[in-house]
Every structure is written in C-alpha cells, then in structure tokens.
Amino acid sequence: MGVLEIIKTRIEIREFEKKSVGMSAKKKILEAGRLAPSGRNLQHWHYILIEGDEELERLASLSPTGGWVREASFAIVTTTDPKYDFNEIDAGRSITQMQLVGWENGVGSRLYTIKKPDQERAKLALGIPEEYHLTAVVGFGYPVKKATGKKERKGMREIVSYNKFGTPMEI
C-alpha cells in the first residue's frame, strides 16, 4: 500500500481486538517516530512504550478523555522539550509517522492529550522528568471493525486557495 493510500484509508480507532501486537510491528512504529523530522533536527522527544493490562489501566486513569486506551494492545506516550516553541508540532510529526506505519501493518490508533491539572500527576506516575512535557498519548491495536477507508472530507475547492486566501484554484 502506498503512502497516499494509507492516508486515504486510515481512520482513528478506539475499539481494539483483544489481540497482542507483535514486537516487530512495535519496533517499526517506534522507528517511524525516531526518524521523523524535527525543528533544527533536535530530536527532543522521548517515547514511553506502555503495555500490559495493569499499566494500560493506570494510563487510562490519568486522563478524563483517555479511558478507551485501556482496551489498546499498547500505547506510546510522547514527551518533548517545551523550551522549544515547536515541540508540539514536532510531536505531531513523529506521531503521524508512527500512526501511518502502524496502519501499513494493520494496526489502528488514536491519540489524546493530558491537560492541566492532570499533566503533573501523569508525569509523576510515569516517571517523566520535570523538564519534559507529556505531549500526547497514542493507543495502538488491531481494529475491531474493518475500516472502509471512506472519510467525510471537504473538497479541495473548499480548502485550497491560489496565491491569496479566497482566490479559487482550479483543481
């Protein structure tokens, strides 16, 4: 499957099969994150692989919006250095690459963030040093439902301008 086909078909998944994702796929996913571009090539991220029922349950309890992660096969916590104004953009770039490689290997995913006041409690629970920001959590696993690849998206003419905002582009 080519990259554009992966992008066309990948959807956010939060219902996972009770089936473990193999270490080979996990390594590929983490390698995709490691190889992502970053501002000034600083590579200021650090990932924490979380797996196991007890550990995923603990992770789920750290956020009011991340309860679904307890059903994932594993999760990757992405931390970045907040002294760089582009830390969240860099995290997004690396997470996107991990999600695309996951999808290429049949592994679905979804992400969530942990906001204040839960951020400090989560960092403490996960042993994240003070100087890092817990930027996002991504749950991975095999989707329960077969993805159709059909997405509701605006047309190109609605979201693309030519040379100046609002100038239509013939596509």
Protein backbone atom coordinates (compact mmCIF):
# COMPACT_ATOMS: atom_id res chain seq x y z
CA MET A 1 0.00 0.00 0.00
CA GLY A 2 1.43 3.39 -0.98
CA VAL A 3 1.60 6.37 1.38
CA LEU A 4 -1.35 8.20 -0.20
CA GLU A 5 -3.49 5.06 0.00
CA ILE A 6 -2.57 4.68 3.69
CA ILE A 7 -3.58 8.31 4.28
CA LYS A 8 -6.82 7.85 2.34
CA THR A 9 -7.85 4.81 4.37
CA ARG A 10 -6.50 5.46 7.87
CA ILE A 11 -9.10 6.38 10.46
CA GLU A 12 -8.94 6.92 14.21
CA ILE A 13 -9.59 3.69 16.12
CA ARG A 14 -10.57 3.32 19.75
CA GLU A 15 -12.09 -0.15 19.72
CA PHE A 16 -9.39 -2.78 19.58
CA GLU A 17 -9.34 -6.57 19.31
CA LYS A 18 -8.10 -8.46 22.34
CA LYS A 19 -5.03 -9.45 20.35
CA SER A 20 -1.44 -8.51 21.09
CA VAL A 21 0.55 -6.57 18.51
CA GLY A 22 3.91 -8.26 17.89
CA MET A 23 7.24 -6.72 18.80
CA SER A 24 8.24 -6.46 15.14
CA ALA A 25 5.34 -4.07 14.42
CA LYS A 26 6.02 -2.11 17.62
CA LYS A 27 9.66 -1.62 16.60
CA LYS A 28 8.62 -0.41 13.13
CA ILE A 29 6.18 2.07 14.68
CA LEU A 30 8.81 3.40 17.10
CA GLU A 31 11.39 3.56 14.30
CA ALA A 32 8.98 5.73 12.28
CA GLY A 33 8.77 8.14 15.22
CA ARG A 34 12.53 8.16 15.68
CA LEU A 35 13.10 9.00 12.01
CA ALA A 36 10.58 11.87 11.92
CA PRO A 37 11.81 15.35 11.07
CA SER A 38 12.13 17.85 13.90
CA GLY A 39 12.83 21.55 14.20
CA ARG A 40 16.57 22.20 13.83
CA ASN A 41 16.93 18.38 13.85
CA LEU A 42 16.91 18.49 17.67
CA GLN A 43 15.02 15.21 18.05
CA HIS A 44 13.98 16.40 21.52
CA TRP A 45 11.35 13.74 22.02
CA HIS A 46 11.33 10.70 24.25
CA TYR A 47 8.81 7.85 23.94
CA ILE A 48 7.49 5.53 26.62
CA LEU A 49 6.02 2.21 25.43
CA ILE A 50 3.22 1.15 27.77
CA GLU A 51 1.78 -2.37 27.64
CA GLY A 52 0.11 -4.82 29.95
CA ASP A 53 -3.43 -4.66 31.36
CA GLU A 54 -2.40 -3.11 34.67
CA GLU A 55 -0.17 -0.48 33.07
CA LEU A 56 -2.76 0.47 30.43
CA GLU A 57 -5.42 0.73 33.15
CA ARG A 58 -3.17 3.09 35.11
CA LEU A 59 -2.53 5.16 31.97
CA ALA A 60 -6.28 5.33 31.26
CA SER A 61 -6.92 6.62 34.77
CA LEU A 62 -4.59 9.60 34.28
CA SER A 63 -6.89 11.47 31.88
CA PRO A 64 -10.62 12.16 31.77
CA THR A 65 -10.62 11.66 27.96
CA GLY A 66 -8.27 8.68 27.60
CA GLY A 67 -10.23 5.89 29.25
CA TRP A 68 -10.51 3.99 25.98
CA VAL A 69 -6.72 3.37 25.95
CA ARG A 70 -7.18 0.53 28.46
CA GLU A 71 -8.52 -1.55 25.52
CA ALA A 72 -5.44 -0.93 23.33
CA SER A 73 -2.73 -3.53 22.82
CA PHE A 74 -0.14 -0.91 23.77
CA ALA A 75 0.32 2.84 23.99
CA ILE A 76 3.13 5.22 23.25
CA VAL A 77 3.49 8.28 25.45
CA THR A 78 5.28 11.05 23.57
CA THR A 79 7.20 13.59 25.59
CA THR A 80 9.00 16.64 24.23
CA ASP A 81 11.12 19.52 25.45
CA PRO A 82 8.81 22.52 25.97
CA LYS A 83 11.65 25.04 25.82
CA TYR A 84 11.26 24.82 22.03
CA ASP A 85 8.23 26.68 20.66
CA PHE A 86 7.77 23.94 18.07
CA ASN A 87 7.73 20.98 20.49
CA GLU A 88 4.06 20.14 19.87
CA ILE A 89 4.47 20.38 16.09
CA ASP A 90 7.43 18.01 16.27
CA ALA A 91 5.45 15.58 18.41
CA GLY A 92 2.63 15.71 15.87
CA ARG A 93 5.02 14.96 13.03
CA SER A 94 6.52 11.96 14.80
CA ILE A 95 3.12 10.65 15.94
CA THR A 96 1.71 10.92 12.43
CA GLN A 97 4.56 8.85 11.06
CA MET A 98 4.04 6.23 13.78
CA GLN A 99 0.31 6.07 13.02
CA LEU A 100 0.91 5.68 9.28
CA VAL A 101 3.40 2.85 9.77
CA GLY A 102 1.01 1.24 12.22
CA TRP A 103 -1.81 1.38 9.66
CA GLU A 104 0.50 -0.06 6.99
CA ASN A 105 0.94 -3.03 9.35
CA GLY A 106 -2.78 -3.41 10.09
CA VAL A 107 -2.53 -1.62 13.44
CA GLY A 108 -5.03 1.14 14.20
CA SER A 109 -4.51 4.03 16.59
CA ARG A 110 -5.94 7.11 18.23
CA LEU A 111 -4.39 9.87 20.29
CA TYR A 112 -5.30 12.07 23.20
CA THR A 113 -3.61 14.72 25.28
CA ILE A 114 -3.43 15.19 29.02
CA LYS A 115 -4.11 18.76 30.11
CA LYS A 116 -3.55 20.58 33.37
CA PRO A 117 -4.18 19.76 36.20
CA ASP A 118 -3.80 16.08 35.20
CA GLN A 119 -0.45 16.71 33.44
CA GLU A 120 1.69 16.84 36.61
CA ARG A 121 0.01 13.80 38.16
CA ALA A 122 0.53 11.84 34.92
CA LYS A 123 4.19 12.88 34.67
CA LEU A 124 4.77 11.77 38.24
CA ALA A 125 3.02 8.42 37.65
CA LEU A 126 5.08 7.76 34.51
CA GLY A 127 8.41 8.97 35.90
CA ILE A 128 8.71 11.78 33.35
CA PRO A 129 11.35 14.34 34.33
CA GLU A 130 10.17 17.87 35.15
CA GLU A 131 11.88 19.36 32.08
CA TYR A 132 9.77 17.28 29.67
CA HIS A 133 6.21 17.90 28.52
CA LEU A 134 3.83 14.96 28.24
CA THR A 135 2.66 15.96 24.78
CA ALA A 136 0.36 13.12 23.72
CA VAL A 137 -0.63 9.50 24.25
CA VAL A 138 -1.34 7.18 21.32
CA GLY A 139 -3.14 3.88 21.80
CA PHE A 140 -2.41 1.17 19.23
CA GLY A 141 -4.07 -2.16 18.44
CA TYR A 142 -5.86 -4.21 15.83
CA PRO A 143 -9.22 -2.63 14.96
CA VAL A 144 -12.39 -4.49 15.99
CA LYS A 145 -14.20 -3.34 12.84
CA LYS A 146 -12.85 -3.48 9.32
CA ALA A 147 -12.10 0.03 8.14
CA THR A 148 -13.81 1.00 4.91
CA GLY A 149 -11.45 3.86 4.14
CA LYS A 150 -14.35 6.21 3.44
CA LYS A 151 -13.90 9.59 5.08
CA GLU A 152 -16.12 12.63 5.21
CA ARG A 153 -13.82 15.39 3.99
CA LYS A 154 -14.33 18.79 2.43
CA GLY A 155 -13.50 19.10 -1.24
CA MET A 156 -10.22 20.65 -2.39
CA ARG A 157 -12.00 23.75 -3.71
CA GLU A 158 -13.32 24.45 -0.21
CA ILE A 159 -9.93 24.39 1.49
CA VAL A 160 -7.34 25.45 -1.12
CA SER A 161 -6.70 28.97 -2.44
CA TYR A 162 -4.30 30.12 -5.11
CA ASN A 163 -1.66 32.76 -4.31
CA LYS A 164 -4.04 34.59 -1.94
CA PHE A 165 -6.60 33.41 0.59
CA GLY A 166 -10.03 33.16 -1.03
CA THR A 167 -8.79 33.08 -4.64
CA PRO A 168 -10.19 29.88 -6.15
CA MET A 169 -7.76 27.35 -7.55
CA GLU A 170 -8.80 25.22 -10.49
CA ILE A 171 -8.08 21.65 -9.45
